[in-house]
């Protein structure tokens, strides 16, 4: 695989992983600390 391919794959996995962690964090702590919005 080319370097650009590896970079794209890493960015894609980082985005998916970050989105998953963000959703998990919102579900886990959303009810405990409701925002004023």
C-alpha atoms as a PDB file:
ATOM      1  CA  UNK A   1       0.000   0.000   0.000  1.00  0.00           C
ATOM      2  CA  UNK A   2       1.231   3.489  -0.767  1.00  0.00           C
ATOM      3  CA  UNK A   3       1.981   6.074   1.894  1.00  0.00           C
ATOM      4  CA  UNK A   4      -1.080   8.133   0.987  1.00  0.00           C
ATOM      5  CA  UNK A   5      -3.177   4.986   1.339  1.00  0.00           C
ATOM      6  CA  UNK A   6      -1.841   4.338   4.842  1.00  0.00           C
ATOM      7  CA  UNK A   7      -2.434   7.970   5.854  1.00  0.00           C
ATOM      8  CA  UNK A   8      -5.999   7.854   4.528  1.00  0.00           C
ATOM      9  CA  UNK A   9      -6.666   4.571   6.341  1.00  0.00           C
ATOM     10  CA  UNK A  10      -5.279   5.920   9.617  1.00  0.00           C
ATOM     11  CA  UNK A  11      -7.335   9.104   9.324  1.00  0.00           C
ATOM     12  CA  UNK A  12     -10.465   7.080   8.570  1.00  0.00           C
ATOM     13  CA  UNK A  13      -9.945   4.789  11.575  1.00  0.00           C
ATOM     14  CA  UNK A  14      -9.122   7.774  13.806  1.00  0.00           C
ATOM     15  CA  UNK A  15     -12.355   9.493  12.731  1.00  0.00           C
ATOM     16  CA  UNK A  16     -14.454   6.365  13.282  1.00  0.00           C
ATOM     17  CA  UNK A  17     -12.786   5.656  16.628  1.00  0.00           C
ATOM     18  CA  UNK A  18     -13.188   9.254  17.770  1.00  0.00           C
ATOM     19  CA  UNK A  19     -16.838   9.280  16.767  1.00  0.00           C
ATOM     20  CA  UNK A  20     -17.453   6.017  18.635  1.00  0.00           C
ATOM     21  CA  UNK A  21     -15.725   7.276  21.785  1.00  0.00           C
ATOM     22  CA  UNK A  22     -17.644  10.564  21.562  1.00  0.00           C
ATOM     23  CA  UNK A  23     -21.010   8.802  21.290  1.00  0.00           C
ATOM     24  CA  UNK A  24     -20.075   6.409  24.100  1.00  0.00           C
ATOM     25  CA  UNK A  25     -19.045   9.348  26.300  1.00  0.00           C
ATOM     26  CA  UNK A  26     -22.299  11.196  25.576  1.00  0.00           C
ATOM     27  CA  UNK A  27     -24.386   8.112  26.407  1.00  0.00           C
ATOM     28  CA  UNK A  28     -22.382   7.354  29.548  1.00  0.00           C
ATOM     29  CA  UNK A  29     -22.197  10.874  31.002  1.00  0.00           C
ATOM     30  CA  UNK A  30     -25.043  12.648  29.193  1.00  0.00           C
ATOM     31  CA  UNK A  31     -27.686  11.812  31.795  1.00  0.00           C
ATOM     32  CA  UNK A  32     -25.371  12.431  34.739  1.00  0.00           C
ATOM     33  CA  UNK A  33     -24.453  15.938  33.575  1.00  0.00           C
ATOM     34  CA  UNK A  34     -27.255  17.439  31.465  1.00  0.00           C
ATOM     35  CA  UNK A  35     -26.310  20.642  29.676  1.00  0.00           C
ATOM     36  CA  UNK A  36     -28.288  23.868  29.925  1.00  0.00           C
ATOM     37  CA  UNK A  37     -29.019  23.704  26.213  1.00  0.00           C
END
